[in-house]
Amino acid sequence: MIIDCHGHYTTAPAAHEIWRRRQVAAGAGSALEPPPSITDDEIRNSILGGQLKVQSERGVDLTLFSPRAAGMAHQDSDAIGNAAWADQCNTLIHRVCKIFPRHFVGVCQLPQAPGTPPSNSVAELERCVNDFGFVGCNLNPDPSGGYWTDPPLTDRWWYPLYEKMVELDVPAMVHVSSSCNPNFHATGAHYLNGDTTAFMQFMRSELFRDFPTLKFIIPHGGGAVPYHWGRYRGLAQDMGLPLLGEHLLGNVFFDTCVYHQAGTDLLAKVIPVENILFASETLGAVNGIDPESGHRFDDTKRYIDAVPWLNEADRHKIYEGNARHVYGRLSSQIERQATSW
């Protein structure tokens, strides 16, 4: 089985995003409109002509599916507004998984807001895992949208959420949302800044002494981390920290949303194969055709297949085994969905 650990519902019916725009425009404290009426046929058509079509073309069996990352936009509303938005986004993902149970497993959006304690997200995480069968969450390290006003991910401020993640045996993909700081383009700068910043925060902390089974996926190939692995090894040494393999790689993993062969080769050469999860973010950040190869930039399976030193066992770990390990509830949820829906 080939499992893509990083998919977003970027083709959701238009009524879904229209509701959010109206909610944000109404402002904090305004009465919330009823949820939009979206039919199963609308959901089905949005997937058949989008993500499922691409999955089939590229030989991907299953996608861990979450709401659109840029659409989280935690900076655009308050805790109450974002809770209503997360509810709708996650319920929509659950409906996708019920309609296509062999192709999608849910990952949830959290109702974060700038200055709102992460403990506020615990109830929604529990709902999505226990009621919907979701296997993970997307955790925004910067709900301010590019201004980084909340404490770092290693601060005890985050611990109530981590305690619940450990209890439920679900990991988090560290994923920022849209940028409202004009200095940072969302997908070209803000996303990669978030990935790199999260790694450095983890490196400087003793978070995993407190939570030895807590797991994070850093997307987009880890931002700058693999390319500057020597820098991080050297910084860790200068700071008197343990070797990075001992310090972080039991808890921190990287996906393969790297959109060229040389970058994928570097990732596979620098990061242990046990820490790499296949992902494409298909129909996400970069959808066009690469004029150098003639293939779409986000066809990341093609790059993994072409790494010459990976053997069959290595590719099995990247394509399936590592996802089942990191997402502790995934194997049972795959079986449950295949038989019950």
C-alpha atoms as a PDB file:
ATOM      1  CA  MET A   1       0.000   0.000   0.000  1.00  0.00           C
ATOM      2  CA  ILE A   2       1.176   3.523  -0.792  1.00  0.00           C
ATOM      3  CA  ILE A   3       0.068   6.043   1.844  1.00  0.00           C
ATOM      4  CA  ASP A   4       0.282   9.788   1.260  1.00  0.00           C
ATOM      5  CA  CYS A   5       0.475  11.384   4.709  1.00  0.00           C
ATOM      6  CA  HIS A   6      -0.121  14.961   3.553  1.00  0.00           C
ATOM      7  CA  GLY A   7      -3.334  15.760   1.724  1.00  0.00           C
ATOM      8  CA  HIS A   8      -5.682  18.757   2.057  1.00  0.00           C
ATOM      9  CA  TYR A   9      -9.249  19.236   0.851  1.00  0.00           C
ATOM     10  CA  THR A  10      -8.347  22.014  -1.562  1.00  0.00           C
ATOM     11  CA  THR A  11     -11.293  21.204  -3.834  1.00  0.00           C
ATOM     12  CA  ALA A  12     -14.053  21.576  -1.221  1.00  0.00           C
ATOM     13  CA  PRO A  13     -17.380  22.887  -2.554  1.00  0.00           C
ATOM     14  CA  ALA A  14     -17.464  26.669  -2.878  1.00  0.00           C
ATOM     15  CA  ALA A  15     -20.230  27.095  -0.277  1.00  0.00           C
ATOM     16  CA  HIS A  16     -17.790  25.946   2.402  1.00  0.00           C
ATOM     17  CA  GLU A  17     -15.294  28.789   1.859  1.00  0.00           C
ATOM     18  CA  ILE A  18     -18.065  31.321   1.247  1.00  0.00           C
ATOM     19  CA  TRP A  19     -19.443  30.600   4.717  1.00  0.00           C
ATOM     20  CA  ARG A  20     -16.049  31.259   6.258  1.00  0.00           C
ATOM     21  CA  ARG A  21     -15.611  34.551   4.416  1.00  0.00           C
ATOM     22  CA  ARG A  22     -19.029  35.713   5.634  1.00  0.00           C
ATOM     23  CA  GLN A  23     -18.197  34.636   9.163  1.00  0.00           C
ATOM     24  CA  VAL A  24     -14.886  36.540   9.192  1.00  0.00           C
ATOM     25  CA  ALA A  25     -16.510  39.621   7.652  1.00  0.00           C
ATOM     26  CA  ALA A  26     -19.189  39.607  10.376  1.00  0.00           C
ATOM     27  CA  GLY A  27     -16.490  39.900  13.034  1.00  0.00           C
ATOM     28  CA  ALA A  28     -16.025  38.529  16.521  1.00  0.00           C
ATOM     29  CA  GLY A  29     -19.155  38.237  18.609  1.00  0.00           C
ATOM     30  CA  SER A  30     -21.513  38.159  15.625  1.00  0.00           C
ATOM     31  CA  ALA A  31     -24.236  35.544  15.441  1.00  0.00           C
ATOM     32  CA  LEU A  32     -23.034  32.529  13.470  1.00  0.00           C
ATOM     33  CA  GLU A  33     -24.918  31.630  10.324  1.00  0.00           C
ATOM     34  CA  PRO A  34     -26.161  28.048   9.917  1.00  0.00           C
ATOM     35  CA  PRO A  35     -23.679  25.701   8.229  1.00  0.00           C
ATOM     36  CA  PRO A  36     -23.879  25.641   4.431  1.00  0.00           C
ATOM     37  CA  SER A  37     -25.913  22.888   2.815  1.00  0.00           C
ATOM     38  CA  ILE A  38     -23.455  20.661   0.942  1.00  0.00           C
ATOM     39  CA  THR A  39     -24.737  17.441  -0.584  1.00  0.00           C
ATOM     40  CA  ASP A  40     -22.942  14.113  -0.783  1.00  0.00           C
ATOM     41  CA  ASP A  41     -22.998  14.438  -4.570  1.00  0.00           C
ATOM     42  CA  GLU A  42     -21.149  17.757  -4.364  1.00  0.00           C
ATOM     43  CA  ILE A  43     -18.505  16.167  -2.164  1.00  0.00           C
ATOM     44  CA  ARG A  44     -18.292  13.114  -4.400  1.00  0.00           C
ATOM     45  CA  ASN A  45     -17.831  15.200  -7.554  1.00  0.00           C
ATOM     46  CA  SER A  46     -15.190  17.412  -5.917  1.00  0.00           C
ATOM     47  CA  ILE A  47     -13.112  14.353  -5.030  1.00  0.00           C
ATOM     48  CA  LEU A  48     -13.640  12.235  -8.138  1.00  0.00           C
ATOM     49  CA  GLY A  49     -12.392  15.002 -10.396  1.00  0.00           C
ATOM     50  CA  GLY A  50      -9.652  16.092  -8.014  1.00  0.00           C
ATOM     51  CA  GLN A  51      -7.718  14.139  -5.409  1.00  0.00           C
ATOM     52  CA  LEU A  52      -9.005  10.691  -6.300  1.00  0.00           C
ATOM     53  CA  LYS A  53      -8.255  11.201  -9.977  1.00  0.00           C
ATOM     54  CA  VAL A  54      -4.673  12.137  -9.158  1.00  0.00           C
ATOM     55  CA  GLN A  55      -4.306   9.268  -6.682  1.00  0.00           C
ATOM     56  CA  SER A  56      -5.336   6.814  -9.378  1.00  0.00           C
ATOM     57  CA  GLU A  57      -3.012   8.296 -11.981  1.00  0.00           C
ATOM     58  CA  ARG A  58      -0.008   8.144  -9.667  1.00  0.00           C
ATOM     59  CA  GLY A  59      -0.619   4.800  -7.971  1.00  0.00           C
ATOM     60  CA  VAL A  60      -1.391   6.140  -4.489  1.00  0.00           C
ATOM     61  CA  ASP A  61      -3.778   4.013  -2.442  1.00  0.00           C
ATOM     62  CA  LEU A  62      -4.642   6.156   0.575  1.00  0.00           C
ATOM     63  CA  THR A  63      -4.312   9.778   1.647  1.00  0.00           C
ATOM     64  CA  LEU A  64      -4.333  11.141   5.187  1.00  0.00           C
ATOM     65  CA  PHE A  65      -6.750  13.956   4.506  1.00  0.00           C
ATOM     66  CA  SER A  66      -7.199  17.218   6.365  1.00  0.00           C
ATOM     67  CA  PRO A  67      -8.836  20.603   5.790  1.00  0.00           C
ATOM     68  CA  ARG A  68      -7.067  23.091   3.538  1.00  0.00           C
ATOM     69  CA  ALA A  69      -4.042  24.395   5.425  1.00  0.00           C
ATOM     70  CA  ALA A  70      -4.251  27.983   4.196  1.00  0.00           C
ATOM     71  CA  GLY A  71      -7.957  27.917   4.943  1.00  0.00           C
ATOM     72  CA  MET A  72      -7.369  27.379   8.674  1.00  0.00           C
ATOM     73  CA  ALA A  73      -6.434  31.083   8.877  1.00  0.00           C
ATOM     74  CA  HIS A  74      -6.488  31.112  12.657  1.00  0.00           C
ATOM     75  CA  GLN A  75      -5.556  34.788  12.666  1.00  0.00           C
ATOM     76  CA  ASP A  76      -8.813  35.775  10.951  1.00  0.00           C
ATOM     77  CA  SER A  77     -11.162  35.078  13.862  1.00  0.00           C
ATOM     78  CA  ASP A  78     -11.332  34.479  17.594  1.00  0.00           C
ATOM     79  CA  ALA A  79     -11.537  31.228  19.557  1.00  0.00           C
ATOM     80  CA  ILE A  80     -15.325  31.013  19.196  1.00  0.00           C
ATOM     81  CA  GLY A  81     -15.302  31.673  15.470  1.00  0.00           C
ATOM     82  CA  ASN A  82     -12.431  29.295  14.844  1.00  0.00           C
ATOM     83  CA  ALA A  83     -14.121  26.565  16.868  1.00  0.00           C
ATOM     84  CA  ALA A  84     -17.182  26.796  14.614  1.00  0.00           C
ATOM     85  CA  TRP A  85     -14.936  26.784  11.537  1.00  0.00           C
ATOM     86  CA  ALA A  86     -12.914  23.778  12.728  1.00  0.00           C
ATOM     87  CA  ASP A  87     -16.154  21.927  13.461  1.00  0.00           C
ATOM     88  CA  GLN A  88     -17.369  22.463   9.911  1.00  0.00           C
ATOM     89  CA  CYS A  89     -14.012  21.673   8.296  1.00  0.00           C
ATOM     90  CA  ASN A  90     -13.527  18.453  10.233  1.00  0.00           C
ATOM     91  CA  THR A  91     -17.111  17.317   9.721  1.00  0.00           C
ATOM     92  CA  LEU A  92     -16.624  17.805   5.985  1.00  0.00           C
ATOM     93  CA  ILE A  93     -13.459  15.683   6.054  1.00  0.00           C
ATOM     94  CA  HIS A  94     -15.373  12.987   7.938  1.00  0.00           C
ATOM     95  CA  ARG A  95     -17.998  12.977   5.198  1.00  0.00           C
ATOM     96  CA  VAL A  96     -15.284  12.538   2.556  1.00  0.00           C
ATOM     97  CA  CYS A  97     -13.907   9.562   4.475  1.00  0.00           C
ATOM     98  CA  LYS A  98     -17.363   7.988   4.741  1.00  0.00           C
ATOM     99  CA  ILE A  99     -17.990   8.380   1.008  1.00  0.00           C
ATOM    100  CA  PHE A 100     -14.504   7.142   0.055  1.00  0.00           C
ATOM    101  CA  PRO A 101     -13.483   4.930   3.013  1.00  0.00           C
ATOM    102  CA  ARG A 102     -10.792   3.017   1.135  1.00  0.00           C
ATOM    103  CA  HIS A 103      -9.024   6.124  -0.096  1.00  0.00           C
ATOM    104  CA  PHE A 104      -9.051   8.717   2.719  1.00  0.00           C
ATOM    105  CA  VAL A 105      -8.451   8.702   6.483  1.00  0.00           C
ATOM    106  CA  GLY A 106      -9.042  11.890   8.437  1.00  0.00           C
ATOM    107  CA  VAL A 107      -6.622  14.301  10.083  1.00  0.00           C
ATOM    108  CA  CYS A 108      -8.157  17.237  11.922  1.00  0.00           C
ATOM    109  CA  GLN A 109      -7.844  20.989  12.036  1.00  0.00           C
ATOM    110  CA  LEU A 110      -7.611  22.470  15.526  1.00  0.00           C
ATOM    111  CA  PRO A 111      -9.612  25.511  16.698  1.00  0.00           C
ATOM    112  CA  GLN A 112      -6.541  27.566  17.511  1.00  0.00           C
ATOM    113  CA  ALA A 113      -6.517  31.359  17.759  1.00  0.00           C
ATOM    114  CA  PRO A 114      -3.785  33.868  18.632  1.00  0.00           C
ATOM    115  CA  GLY A 115      -3.306  34.029  22.393  1.00  0.00           C
ATOM    116  CA  THR A 116      -5.747  31.170  23.015  1.00  0.00           C
ATOM    117  CA  PRO A 117      -4.241  28.355  25.116  1.00  0.00           C
ATOM    118  CA  PRO A 118      -3.761  25.069  23.219  1.00  0.00           C
ATOM    119  CA  SER A 119      -5.862  23.374  25.899  1.00  0.00           C
ATOM    120  CA  ASN A 120      -8.788  24.951  24.064  1.00  0.00           C
ATOM    121  CA  SER A 121      -8.169  22.477  21.211  1.00  0.00           C
ATOM    122  CA  VAL A 122      -8.371  19.312  23.307  1.00  0.00           C
ATOM    123  CA  ALA A 123     -12.128  18.804  22.993  1.00  0.00           C
ATOM    124  CA  GLU A 124     -12.103  19.042  19.194  1.00  0.00           C
ATOM    125  CA  LEU A 125      -9.166  16.640  18.973  1.00  0.00           C
ATOM    126  CA  GLU A 126     -11.027  14.154  21.161  1.00  0.00           C
ATOM    127  CA  ARG A 127     -14.176  14.495  19.073  1.00  0.00           C
ATOM    128  CA  CYS A 128     -12.361  13.915  15.813  1.00  0.00           C
ATOM    129  CA  VAL A 129     -10.408  10.916  17.081  1.00  0.00           C
ATOM    130  CA  ASN A 130     -13.121   9.234  19.130  1.00  0.00           C
ATOM    131  CA  ASP A 131     -16.199  10.061  17.048  1.00  0.00           C
ATOM    132  CA  PHE A 132     -14.781  10.340  13.529  1.00  0.00           C
ATOM    133  CA  GLY A 133     -11.834   7.924  13.635  1.00  0.00           C
ATOM    134  CA  PHE A 134      -9.253  10.553  12.717  1.00  0.00           C
ATOM    135  CA  VAL A 135      -5.635   9.531  13.237  1.00  0.00           C
ATOM    136  CA  GLY A 136      -3.806  12.832  13.673  1.00  0.00           C
ATOM    137  CA  CYS A 137      -4.029  16.611  13.724  1.00  0.00           C
ATOM    138  CA  ASN A 138      -2.480  19.620  12.045  1.00  0.00           C
ATOM    139  CA  LEU A 139      -0.842  21.865  14.627  1.00  0.00           C
ATOM    140  CA  ASN A 140      -0.225  25.500  13.730  1.00  0.00           C
ATOM    141  CA  PRO A 141       2.900  26.756  15.550  1.00  0.00           C
ATOM    142  CA  ASP A 142       1.981  30.359  14.638  1.00  0.00           C
ATOM    143  CA  PRO A 143      -1.750  31.125  14.844  1.00  0.00           C
ATOM    144  CA  SER A 144      -0.934  34.826  14.336  1.00  0.00           C
ATOM    145  CA  GLY A 145      -0.227  34.213  10.643  1.00  0.00           C
ATOM    146  CA  GLY A 146       3.391  35.257  10.405  1.00  0.00           C
ATOM    147  CA  TYR A 147       4.016  37.333  13.528  1.00  0.00           C
ATOM    148  CA  TRP A 148       4.830  34.484  15.977  1.00  0.00           C
ATOM    149  CA  THR A 149       3.093  35.966  19.011  1.00  0.00           C
ATOM    150  CA  ASP A 150       2.487  32.704  20.923  1.00  0.00           C
ATOM    151  CA  PRO A 151       5.062  30.756  22.966  1.00  0.00           C
ATOM    152  CA  PRO A 152       7.323  28.266  21.165  1.00  0.00           C
ATOM    153  CA  LEU A 153       6.093  24.722  20.680  1.00  0.00           C
ATOM    154  CA  THR A 154       8.297  23.515  23.523  1.00  0.00           C
ATOM    155  CA  ASP A 155       6.746  25.814  26.139  1.00  0.00           C
ATOM    156  CA  ARG A 156       4.594  24.224  28.831  1.00  0.00           C
ATOM    157  CA  TRP A 157       1.733  26.327  27.460  1.00  0.00           C
ATOM    158  CA  TRP A 158       1.304  23.534  24.871  1.00  0.00           C
ATOM    159  CA  TYR A 159       1.530  20.625  27.305  1.00  0.00           C
ATOM    160  CA  PRO A 160      -2.228  19.998  27.837  1.00  0.00           C
ATOM    161  CA  LEU A 161      -2.594  19.368  24.119  1.00  0.00           C
ATOM    162  CA  TYR A 162       0.480  17.125  24.044  1.00  0.00           C
ATOM    163  CA  GLU A 163      -0.838  15.132  26.979  1.00  0.00           C
ATOM    164  CA  LYS A 164      -4.029  14.442  25.046  1.00  0.00           C
ATOM    165  CA  MET A 165      -2.097  13.554  21.874  1.00  0.00           C
ATOM    166  CA  VAL A 166      -0.079  10.989  23.825  1.00  0.00           C
ATOM    167  CA  GLU A 167      -3.188   9.617  25.505  1.00  0.00           C
ATOM    168  CA  LEU A 168      -4.955   9.203  22.146  1.00  0.00           C
ATOM    169  CA  ASP A 169      -1.783   7.994  20.357  1.00  0.00           C
ATOM    170  CA  VAL A 170      -2.008  10.577  17.570  1.00  0.00           C
ATOM    171  CA  PRO A 171       0.812  12.653  16.077  1.00  0.00           C
ATOM    172  CA  ALA A 172       0.687  16.224  14.836  1.00  0.00           C
ATOM    173  CA  MET A 173       1.855  17.555  11.524  1.00  0.00           C
ATOM    174  CA  VAL A 174       3.379  20.955  12.283  1.00  0.00           C
ATOM    175  CA  HIS A 175       1.728  23.116   9.646  1.00  0.00           C
ATOM    176  CA  VAL A 176       1.318  26.880   9.586  1.00  0.00           C
ATOM    177  CA  SER A 177      -1.613  28.447   7.788  1.00  0.00           C
ATOM    178  CA  SER A 178      -1.909  31.532   5.610  1.00  0.00           C
ATOM    179  CA  SER A 179       0.400  34.493   6.132  1.00  0.00           C
ATOM    180  CA  CYS A 180      -0.889  37.973   6.902  1.00  0.00           C
ATOM    181  CA  ASN A 181       2.642  39.384   7.158  1.00  0.00           C
ATOM    182  CA  PRO A 182       3.610  40.822   3.751  1.00  0.00           C
ATOM    183  CA  ASN A 183       7.240  39.939   4.396  1.00  0.00           C
ATOM    184  CA  PHE A 184       6.430  36.226   4.099  1.00  0.00           C
ATOM    185  CA  HIS A 185       4.836  34.655   1.066  1.00  0.00           C
ATOM    186  CA  ALA A 186       2.638  31.856   2.411  1.00  0.00           C
ATOM    187  CA  THR A 187       3.859  28.764   0.560  1.00  0.00           C
ATOM    188  CA  GLY A 188       7.258  30.061  -0.540  1.00  0.00           C
ATOM    189  CA  ALA A 189       8.436  31.483   2.777  1.00  0.00           C
ATOM    190  CA  HIS A 190       5.989  31.195   5.683  1.00  0.00           C
ATOM    191  CA  TYR A 191       5.463  27.437   5.323  1.00  0.00           C
ATOM    192  CA  LEU A 192       9.169  26.687   5.110  1.00  0.00           C
ATOM    193  CA  ASN A 193       9.963  29.132   7.919  1.00  0.00           C
ATOM    194  CA  GLY A 194       7.460  27.307  10.097  1.00  0.00           C
ATOM    195  CA  ASP A 195       9.008  23.923   9.353  1.00  0.00           C
ATOM    196  CA  THR A 196      12.528  25.094  10.063  1.00  0.00           C
ATOM    197  CA  THR A 197      11.554  27.042  13.168  1.00  0.00           C
ATOM    198  CA  ALA A 198       9.715  24.082  14.677  1.00  0.00           C
ATOM    199  CA  PHE A 199      12.750  21.842  14.254  1.00  0.00           C
ATOM    200  CA  MET A 200      15.030  24.349  15.955  1.00  0.00           C
ATOM    201  CA  GLN A 201      12.568  24.770  18.813  1.00  0.00           C
ATOM    202  CA  PHE A 202      12.471  21.013  19.309  1.00  0.00           C
ATOM    203  CA  MET A 203      16.253  20.794  19.154  1.00  0.00           C
ATOM    204  CA  ARG A 204      16.789  23.360  21.900  1.00  0.00           C
ATOM    205  CA  SER A 205      14.338  21.736  24.312  1.00  0.00           C
ATOM    206  CA  GLU A 206      13.911  18.687  26.480  1.00  0.00           C
ATOM    207  CA  LEU A 207      10.339  18.219  25.292  1.00  0.00           C
ATOM    208  CA  PHE A 208      10.797  14.565  24.460  1.00  0.00           C
ATOM    209  CA  ARG A 209      12.114  13.776  27.918  1.00  0.00           C
ATOM    210  CA  ASP A 210       8.721  14.891  29.186  1.00  0.00           C
ATOM    211  CA  PHE A 211       6.852  13.184  26.310  1.00  0.00           C
ATOM    212  CA  PRO A 212       8.970  10.259  25.061  1.00  0.00           C
ATOM    213  CA  THR A 213       6.192   8.925  22.770  1.00  0.00           C
ATOM    214  CA  LEU A 214       5.050  12.272  21.353  1.00  0.00           C
ATOM    215  CA  LYS A 215       5.446  12.402  17.563  1.00  0.00           C
ATOM    216  CA  PHE A 216       5.578  15.253  15.058  1.00  0.00           C
ATOM    217  CA  ILE A 217       5.786  15.291  11.285  1.00  0.00           C
ATOM    218  CA  ILE A 218       7.576  18.291   9.810  1.00  0.00           C
ATOM    219  CA  PRO A 219       6.220  18.720   6.277  1.00  0.00           C
ATOM    220  CA  HIS A 220       7.643  20.069   3.040  1.00  0.00           C
ATOM    221  CA  GLY A 221      10.758  17.959   3.457  1.00  0.00           C
ATOM    222  CA  GLY A 222      11.593  19.653   6.754  1.00  0.00           C
ATOM    223  CA  GLY A 223      12.042  23.142   5.327  1.00  0.00           C
ATOM    224  CA  ALA A 224      15.722  24.060   5.450  1.00  0.00           C
ATOM    225  CA  VAL A 225      16.656  21.319   7.897  1.00  0.00           C
ATOM    226  CA  PRO A 226      18.011  18.517   5.647  1.00  0.00           C
ATOM    227  CA  TYR A 227      19.881  21.003   3.474  1.00  0.00           C
ATOM    228  CA  HIS A 228      21.568  22.475   6.555  1.00  0.00           C
ATOM    229  CA  TRP A 229      21.928  19.253   8.559  1.00  0.00           C
ATOM    230  CA  GLY A 230      25.571  20.001   9.275  1.00  0.00           C
ATOM    231  CA  ARG A 231      24.618  23.370  10.729  1.00  0.00           C
ATOM    232  CA  TYR A 232      22.145  21.757  13.098  1.00  0.00           C
ATOM    233  CA  ARG A 233      24.564  19.011  14.081  1.00  0.00           C
ATOM    234  CA  GLY A 234      27.173  21.671  14.795  1.00  0.00           C
ATOM    235  CA  LEU A 235      24.772  23.855  16.760  1.00  0.00           C
ATOM    236  CA  ALA A 236      23.686  20.872  18.824  1.00  0.00           C
ATOM    237  CA  GLN A 237      27.322  20.087  19.562  1.00  0.00           C
ATOM    238  CA  ASP A 238      28.080  23.706  20.515  1.00  0.00           C
ATOM    239  CA  MET A 239      25.067  23.725  22.843  1.00  0.00           C
ATOM    240  CA  GLY A 240      26.143  20.523  24.539  1.00  0.00           C
ATOM    241  CA  LEU A 241      23.097  18.659  23.256  1.00  0.00           C
ATOM    242  CA  PRO A 242      23.014  14.947  22.423  1.00  0.00           C
ATOM    243  CA  LEU A 243      23.540  13.805  18.851  1.00  0.00           C
ATOM    244  CA  LEU A 244      20.507  14.693  16.766  1.00  0.00           C
ATOM    245  CA  GLY A 245      19.697  11.068  16.060  1.00  0.00           C
ATOM    246  CA  GLU A 246      19.397  10.384  19.769  1.00  0.00           C
ATOM    247  CA  HIS A 247      17.856  13.735  20.655  1.00  0.00           C
ATOM    248  CA  LEU A 248      15.073  14.084  18.065  1.00  0.00           C
ATOM    249  CA  LEU A 249      14.733  11.327  15.521  1.00  0.00           C
ATOM    250  CA  GLY A 250      12.691   9.054  17.748  1.00  0.00           C
ATOM    251  CA  ASN A 251       9.987  11.741  17.754  1.00  0.00           C
ATOM    252  CA  VAL A 252      10.409  13.971  14.686  1.00  0.00           C
ATOM    253  CA  PHE A 253       9.728  12.823  11.131  1.00  0.00           C
ATOM    254  CA  PHE A 254       9.839  14.431   7.695  1.00  0.00           C
ATOM    255  CA  ASP A 255       7.584  14.138   4.673  1.00  0.00           C
ATOM    256  CA  THR A 256       8.532  14.068   0.982  1.00  0.00           C
ATOM    257  CA  CYS A 257       6.790  17.235  -0.243  1.00  0.00           C
ATOM    258  CA  VAL A 258       9.966  18.242  -2.050  1.00  0.00           C
ATOM    259  CA  TYR A 259       9.264  19.079  -5.646  1.00  0.00           C
ATOM    260  CA  HIS A 260      12.408  18.133  -7.529  1.00  0.00           C
ATOM    261  CA  GLN A 261      14.686  15.132  -7.794  1.00  0.00           C
ATOM    262  CA  ALA A 262      17.834  16.678  -6.335  1.00  0.00           C
ATOM    263  CA  GLY A 263      15.967  17.804  -3.220  1.00  0.00           C
ATOM    264  CA  THR A 264      14.435  14.365  -2.738  1.00  0.00           C
ATOM    265  CA  ASP A 265      17.834  12.748  -3.200  1.00  0.00           C
ATOM    266  CA  LEU A 266      19.261  15.034  -0.518  1.00  0.00           C
ATOM    267  CA  LEU A 267      16.421  14.242   1.888  1.00  0.00           C
ATOM    268  CA  ALA A 268      16.902  10.505   1.391  1.00  0.00           C
ATOM    269  CA  LYS A 269      20.667  10.783   1.813  1.00  0.00           C
ATOM    270  CA  VAL A 270      20.690  12.957   4.950  1.00  0.00           C
ATOM    271  CA  ILE A 271      17.640  11.807   6.921  1.00  0.00           C
ATOM    272  CA  PRO A 272      17.401   8.148   8.012  1.00  0.00           C
ATOM    273  CA  VAL A 273      14.888   6.226   5.947  1.00  0.00           C
ATOM    274  CA  GLU A 274      12.953   5.390   9.123  1.00  0.00           C
ATOM    275  CA  ASN A 275      12.153   9.097   9.523  1.00  0.00           C
ATOM    276  CA  ILE A 276      10.757   9.774   6.051  1.00  0.00           C
ATOM    277  CA  LEU A 277       7.054   9.528   5.219  1.00  0.00           C
ATOM    278  CA  PHE A 278       5.746   9.665   1.685  1.00  0.00           C
ATOM    279  CA  ALA A 279       3.653  12.750   0.918  1.00  0.00           C
ATOM    280  CA  SER A 280       2.725  14.911  -2.042  1.00  0.00           C
ATOM    281  CA  GLU A 281       0.313  17.650  -0.838  1.00  0.00           C
ATOM    282  CA  THR A 282      -1.389  16.915  -4.167  1.00  0.00           C
ATOM    283  CA  LEU A 283      -3.535  19.738  -5.511  1.00  0.00           C
ATOM    284  CA  GLY A 284      -1.853  21.961  -2.983  1.00  0.00           C
ATOM    285  CA  ALA A 285       1.107  24.268  -3.184  1.00  0.00           C
ATOM    286  CA  VAL A 286       2.705  23.518  -6.584  1.00  0.00           C
ATOM    287  CA  ASN A 287       0.526  21.927  -9.250  1.00  0.00           C
ATOM    288  CA  GLY A 288       2.157  22.951 -12.512  1.00  0.00           C
ATOM    289  CA  ILE A 289       4.273  20.965 -14.953  1.00  0.00           C
ATOM    290  CA  ASP A 290       8.039  21.155 -14.528  1.00  0.00           C
ATOM    291  CA  PRO A 291       9.451  22.172 -17.936  1.00  0.00           C
ATOM    292  CA  GLU A 292      12.685  20.361 -17.122  1.00  0.00           C
ATOM    293  CA  SER A 293      11.034  16.973 -16.612  1.00  0.00           C
ATOM    294  CA  GLY A 294       7.676  17.263 -18.333  1.00  0.00           C
ATOM    295  CA  HIS A 295       5.947  15.962 -15.198  1.00  0.00           C
ATOM    296  CA  ARG A 296       4.030  17.759 -12.488  1.00  0.00           C
ATOM    297  CA  PHE A 297       6.125  19.176  -9.684  1.00  0.00           C
ATOM    298  CA  ASP A 298       4.019  17.489  -7.002  1.00  0.00           C
ATOM    299  CA  ASP A 299       4.309  13.970  -8.452  1.00  0.00           C
ATOM    300  CA  THR A 300       6.614  13.049  -5.601  1.00  0.00           C
ATOM    301  CA  LYS A 301       6.325   9.279  -5.990  1.00  0.00           C
ATOM    302  CA  ARG A 302       8.313   9.618  -9.183  1.00  0.00           C
ATOM    303  CA  TYR A 303      11.203  11.133  -7.221  1.00  0.00           C
ATOM    304  CA  ILE A 304      11.219   8.431  -4.534  1.00  0.00           C
ATOM    305  CA  ASP A 305      11.176   5.724  -7.193  1.00  0.00           C
ATOM    306  CA  ALA A 306      14.208   7.321  -8.849  1.00  0.00           C
ATOM    307  CA  VAL A 307      16.480   7.553  -5.777  1.00  0.00           C
ATOM    308  CA  PRO A 308      19.091   4.955  -6.816  1.00  0.00           C
ATOM    309  CA  TRP A 309      20.305   3.794  -3.395  1.00  0.00           C
ATOM    310  CA  LEU A 310      16.885   3.049  -1.903  1.00  0.00           C
ATOM    311  CA  ASN A 311      16.053  -0.655  -1.932  1.00  0.00           C
ATOM    312  CA  GLU A 312      12.653  -2.320  -1.805  1.00  0.00           C
ATOM    313  CA  ALA A 313      12.638  -2.455   1.992  1.00  0.00           C
ATOM    314  CA  ASP A 314      13.524   1.255   2.190  1.00  0.00           C
ATOM    315  CA  ARG A 315      10.713   2.211  -0.162  1.00  0.00           C
ATOM    316  CA  HIS A 316       8.243   0.096   1.789  1.00  0.00           C
ATOM    317  CA  LYS A 317       9.110   2.071   4.929  1.00  0.00           C
ATOM    318  CA  ILE A 318       8.701   5.397   3.150  1.00  0.00           C
ATOM    319  CA  TYR A 319       5.504   4.458   1.333  1.00  0.00           C
ATOM    320  CA  GLU A 320       3.706   2.601   4.098  1.00  0.00           C
ATOM    321  CA  GLY A 321       5.571   1.271   7.116  1.00  0.00           C
ATOM    322  CA  ASN A 322       6.631   4.580   8.617  1.00  0.00           C
ATOM    323  CA  ALA A 323       3.133   6.055   8.327  1.00  0.00           C
ATOM    324  CA  ARG A 324       1.665   3.069  10.167  1.00  0.00           C
ATOM    325  CA  HIS A 325       4.310   3.510  12.882  1.00  0.00           C
ATOM    326  CA  VAL A 326       3.963   7.272  13.332  1.00  0.00           C
ATOM    327  CA  TYR A 327       0.170   7.304  13.101  1.00  0.00           C
ATOM    328  CA  GLY A 328      -0.459   4.711  15.793  1.00  0.00           C
ATOM    329  CA  ARG A 329      -4.192   4.433  15.090  1.00  0.00           C
ATOM    330  CA  LEU A 330      -3.845   4.208  11.316  1.00  0.00           C
ATOM    331  CA  SER A 331      -3.731   0.453  10.746  1.00  0.00           C
ATOM    332  CA  SER A 332      -6.850  -0.221  12.795  1.00  0.00           C
ATOM    333  CA  GLN A 333      -8.675   2.687  11.174  1.00  0.00           C
ATOM    334  CA  ILE A 334      -7.849   1.416   7.682  1.00  0.00           C
ATOM    335  CA  GLU A 335      -9.366  -1.939   8.600  1.00  0.00           C
ATOM    336  CA  ARG A 336     -12.377  -0.326  10.248  1.00  0.00           C
ATOM    337  CA  GLN A 337     -13.170   1.881   7.288  1.00  0.00           C
ATOM    338  CA  ALA A 338     -12.705  -0.929   4.798  1.00  0.00           C
ATOM    339  CA  THR A 339     -15.336  -3.043   6.513  1.00  0.00           C
ATOM    340  CA  SER A 340     -17.808  -0.724   8.246  1.00  0.00           C
ATOM    341  CA  TRP A 341     -18.663   2.073   5.840  1.00  0.00           C
END
